[in-house]
N, C-alpha and C. Protein backbone atom coordinates (compact mmCIF):
# COMPACT_ATOMS: atom_id res chain seq x y z
N UNK A 1 -78.61 23.46 6.67
CA UNK A 1 -77.46 22.23 6.58
C UNK A 1 -75.99 22.46 6.83
N UNK A 2 -75.71 23.52 5.90
CA UNK A 2 -74.23 23.87 6.07
C UNK A 2 -74.02 24.51 7.47
N UNK A 3 -75.00 25.18 7.91
CA UNK A 3 -74.83 25.85 9.41
C UNK A 3 -74.56 24.69 10.48
N UNK A 4 -75.28 23.77 10.64
CA UNK A 4 -75.07 22.49 11.43
C UNK A 4 -73.78 22.04 11.18
N UNK A 5 -73.39 21.58 9.81
CA UNK A 5 -71.84 21.05 9.86
C UNK A 5 -71.02 22.18 10.64
N UNK A 6 -70.79 23.47 9.91
CA UNK A 6 -69.94 24.28 10.56
C UNK A 6 -69.99 24.35 11.90
N UNK A 7 -71.31 24.38 12.50
CA UNK A 7 -71.46 24.53 14.13
C UNK A 7 -70.61 23.27 14.90
N UNK A 8 -70.92 22.28 14.26
CA UNK A 8 -70.28 20.69 14.82
C UNK A 8 -68.70 20.89 14.60
N UNK A 9 -68.34 21.27 13.71
CA UNK A 9 -66.69 21.41 13.60
C UNK A 9 -66.04 22.38 14.43
N UNK A 10 -67.10 23.53 14.48
CA UNK A 10 -66.55 24.60 15.40
C UNK A 10 -66.62 24.24 16.80
N UNK A 11 -67.36 23.42 17.40
CA UNK A 11 -67.61 23.08 18.77
C UNK A 11 -66.33 22.10 18.96
N UNK A 12 -66.18 21.11 18.08
CA UNK A 12 -65.34 19.98 18.46
C UNK A 12 -63.89 20.24 18.84
N UNK A 13 -63.26 20.88 18.43
CA UNK A 13 -61.88 21.29 18.62
C UNK A 13 -61.57 21.96 20.20
N UNK A 14 -62.75 22.61 20.59
CA UNK A 14 -62.73 23.14 22.03
C UNK A 14 -62.56 21.94 22.85
N UNK A 15 -63.45 21.07 22.77
CA UNK A 15 -63.73 19.96 23.50
C UNK A 15 -62.27 19.09 23.60
N UNK A 16 -61.75 18.78 22.19
CA UNK A 16 -60.57 18.15 22.20
C UNK A 16 -59.53 18.92 22.96
N UNK A 17 -59.64 20.26 22.75
CA UNK A 17 -58.11 21.10 23.22
C UNK A 17 -58.17 20.81 24.80
N UNK A 18 -59.30 20.48 25.60
CA UNK A 18 -58.94 20.47 27.04
C UNK A 18 -58.47 19.01 27.31
N UNK A 19 -58.84 18.12 26.53
CA UNK A 19 -58.39 16.65 26.58
C UNK A 19 -57.12 16.46 26.14
N UNK A 20 -56.57 17.24 25.16
CA UNK A 20 -55.38 17.17 24.59
C UNK A 20 -54.31 17.68 25.57
N UNK A 21 -54.81 19.01 26.30
CA UNK A 21 -54.10 19.61 27.34
C UNK A 21 -53.77 18.78 28.49
N UNK A 22 -54.91 18.21 28.96
CA UNK A 22 -54.81 17.23 30.23
C UNK A 22 -53.84 16.14 29.79
N UNK A 23 -54.00 15.45 28.63
CA UNK A 23 -53.09 14.34 27.95
C UNK A 23 -51.49 14.83 28.53
N UNK A 24 -51.15 15.80 27.70
CA UNK A 24 -50.02 16.01 27.83
C UNK A 24 -49.33 16.66 29.15
N UNK A 25 -50.32 17.25 30.17
CA UNK A 25 -49.78 17.26 31.33
C UNK A 25 -49.55 16.03 32.21
N UNK A 26 -50.71 15.26 32.01
CA UNK A 26 -50.26 13.77 32.49
C UNK A 26 -48.92 13.23 32.28
N UNK A 27 -48.65 13.30 30.79
CA UNK A 27 -47.38 12.63 30.28
C UNK A 27 -46.20 13.52 30.91
N UNK A 28 -46.31 14.88 30.78
CA UNK A 28 -45.28 15.82 31.53
C UNK A 28 -45.23 15.16 32.81
N UNK A 29 -46.21 14.88 33.49
CA UNK A 29 -45.95 14.55 34.98
C UNK A 29 -45.16 13.15 35.07
N UNK A 30 -45.67 12.28 34.32
CA UNK A 30 -45.15 11.07 34.19
C UNK A 30 -43.32 11.00 33.82
N UNK A 31 -43.14 11.76 33.04
CA UNK A 31 -41.95 11.71 32.51
C UNK A 31 -40.89 12.37 33.72
N UNK A 32 -41.53 13.40 34.47
CA UNK A 32 -40.66 13.99 35.83
C UNK A 32 -40.60 12.73 36.80
N UNK A 33 -41.59 12.07 36.85
CA UNK A 33 -41.54 10.84 38.21
C UNK A 33 -40.40 10.12 37.43
N UNK A 34 -40.51 9.65 36.27
CA UNK A 34 -39.40 8.88 35.64
C UNK A 34 -38.11 9.21 35.95
N UNK A 35 -37.86 10.40 35.46
CA UNK A 35 -36.71 10.97 35.68
C UNK A 35 -36.04 10.96 37.16
N UNK A 36 -36.89 11.28 38.01
CA UNK A 36 -36.73 11.31 39.44
C UNK A 36 -36.17 9.85 39.84
N UNK A 37 -37.13 8.82 39.50
CA UNK A 37 -36.64 7.53 39.80
C UNK A 37 -35.54 7.03 39.16
N UNK A 38 -35.13 7.47 38.00
CA UNK A 38 -33.84 7.04 37.32
C UNK A 38 -32.82 7.88 37.95
N UNK A 39 -32.93 9.05 38.26
CA UNK A 39 -31.84 9.65 39.12
C UNK A 39 -31.47 8.82 40.34
N UNK A 40 -32.49 8.49 41.21
CA UNK A 40 -31.82 7.91 42.55
C UNK A 40 -31.56 6.32 42.03
N UNK A 41 -32.07 5.83 41.09
CA UNK A 41 -31.41 4.39 40.70
C UNK A 41 -29.92 4.66 40.45
N UNK A 42 -29.74 5.50 39.38
CA UNK A 42 -28.49 5.63 39.17
C UNK A 42 -27.41 6.19 40.17
N UNK A 43 -27.83 6.93 40.92
CA UNK A 43 -26.92 7.28 42.02
C UNK A 43 -26.75 6.10 43.15
N UNK A 44 -27.70 5.14 43.17
CA UNK A 44 -27.64 3.86 43.96
C UNK A 44 -26.61 2.88 43.33
N UNK A 45 -26.79 2.80 41.89
CA UNK A 45 -25.95 1.98 41.17
C UNK A 45 -24.41 2.37 41.22
N UNK A 46 -24.39 3.73 41.15
CA UNK A 46 -23.07 4.40 40.88
C UNK A 46 -22.19 4.34 42.20
N UNK A 47 -23.10 4.38 43.57
CA UNK A 47 -22.48 4.01 44.53
C UNK A 47 -22.05 2.73 44.98
N UNK A 48 -22.98 1.72 44.38
CA UNK A 48 -22.79 0.18 44.57
C UNK A 48 -21.45 -0.19 43.57
N UNK A 49 -21.30 0.52 42.53
CA UNK A 49 -20.20 0.03 41.63
C UNK A 49 -18.81 0.79 42.28
N UNK A 50 -18.95 1.90 42.95
CA UNK A 50 -17.84 2.28 43.35
C UNK A 50 -17.12 1.57 44.66
N UNK A 51 -18.08 1.19 45.32
CA UNK A 51 -17.92 0.23 46.56
C UNK A 51 -17.17 -1.15 46.20
N UNK A 52 -17.81 -1.67 45.00
CA UNK A 52 -17.15 -2.79 44.38
C UNK A 52 -15.79 -2.65 43.96
N UNK A 53 -15.71 -1.57 43.16
CA UNK A 53 -14.28 -1.12 42.66
C UNK A 53 -13.14 -0.95 43.82
N UNK A 54 -13.66 -0.25 44.93
CA UNK A 54 -12.81 -0.17 45.75
C UNK A 54 -12.29 -1.38 46.57
N UNK A 55 -13.35 -2.33 46.60
CA UNK A 55 -12.61 -3.54 47.12
C UNK A 55 -11.87 -4.22 46.07
N UNK A 56 -12.18 -4.38 44.93
CA UNK A 56 -11.25 -5.05 43.89
C UNK A 56 -9.79 -4.19 44.00
N UNK A 57 -9.71 -2.79 44.13
CA UNK A 57 -8.50 -2.48 44.39
C UNK A 57 -7.64 -2.71 45.52
N UNK A 58 -8.65 -2.98 46.47
CA UNK A 58 -7.64 -3.44 47.90
C UNK A 58 -7.18 -4.71 47.75
N UNK A 59 -7.97 -5.62 47.02
CA UNK A 59 -7.51 -7.07 46.60
C UNK A 59 -6.38 -6.81 45.66
N UNK A 60 -6.39 -5.91 44.76
CA UNK A 60 -5.02 -5.98 44.02
C UNK A 60 -4.11 -5.65 44.71
N UNK A 61 -4.00 -4.43 45.36
CA UNK A 61 -3.00 -3.92 46.32
C UNK A 61 -2.48 -5.07 47.11
N UNK A 62 -3.34 -5.97 47.96
CA UNK A 62 -2.72 -7.00 48.80
C UNK A 62 -2.05 -8.11 48.03
N UNK A 63 -2.51 -8.47 46.87
CA UNK A 63 -2.06 -9.11 45.79
C UNK A 63 -0.58 -8.83 45.45
N UNK A 64 -0.45 -7.67 45.16
CA UNK A 64 0.90 -7.25 45.03
C UNK A 64 2.06 -7.11 46.27
N UNK A 65 1.30 -6.71 47.27
CA UNK A 65 2.16 -6.65 48.38
C UNK A 65 2.64 -8.19 48.84
N UNK A 66 1.77 -9.13 48.63
CA UNK A 66 1.95 -10.63 48.75
C UNK A 66 3.04 -11.25 47.68
N UNK A 67 3.04 -10.82 46.65
CA UNK A 67 3.97 -11.11 45.64
C UNK A 67 5.28 -10.53 46.06
N UNK A 68 5.26 -9.19 46.40
CA UNK A 68 6.64 -8.34 46.51
C UNK A 68 7.16 -9.29 47.80
N UNK A 69 6.51 -9.60 48.88
CA UNK A 69 6.69 -10.10 50.25
C UNK A 69 7.49 -11.53 49.77
N UNK A 70 6.81 -12.12 48.89
CA UNK A 70 7.25 -13.58 48.59
C UNK A 70 8.75 -13.51 47.86
N UNK A 71 8.73 -12.61 47.01
CA UNK A 71 10.15 -12.33 46.35
C UNK A 71 11.18 -11.67 47.26
N UNK A 72 10.83 -11.24 48.14
CA UNK A 72 11.88 -10.57 49.30
C UNK A 72 12.28 -11.94 50.10
N UNK A 73 11.25 -12.74 50.57
CA UNK A 73 11.58 -13.66 51.38
C UNK A 73 12.40 -14.74 50.46
N UNK A 74 12.28 -14.77 49.51
CA UNK A 74 12.99 -15.78 48.43
C UNK A 74 14.37 -15.51 48.02
N UNK A 75 14.59 -14.15 48.28
CA UNK A 75 15.80 -13.36 47.88
C UNK A 75 15.99 -12.92 46.59
N UNK A 76 14.89 -13.16 45.76
CA UNK A 76 15.09 -12.63 44.39
C UNK A 76 14.99 -11.44 44.12
N UNK A 77 15.12 -10.52 45.18
CA UNK A 77 15.10 -9.16 44.91
C UNK A 77 16.33 -8.71 45.15
């Protein structure tokens, strides 16, 4: 009776070991894919933010130039 129980417990971890290894490999692969997707999304967002900030900076400079031109035209300078 004890031999049957020992044999059953000895066999069980071997079968689980392969499943656990496969599960970790799958999780590892999924994490790598997610990291790759996140990197590409971050690069896209960074590019979009930079272009928007460039546009805001140009608008700011244009506003300053317009104010200075108005001040010069009115003789306030």
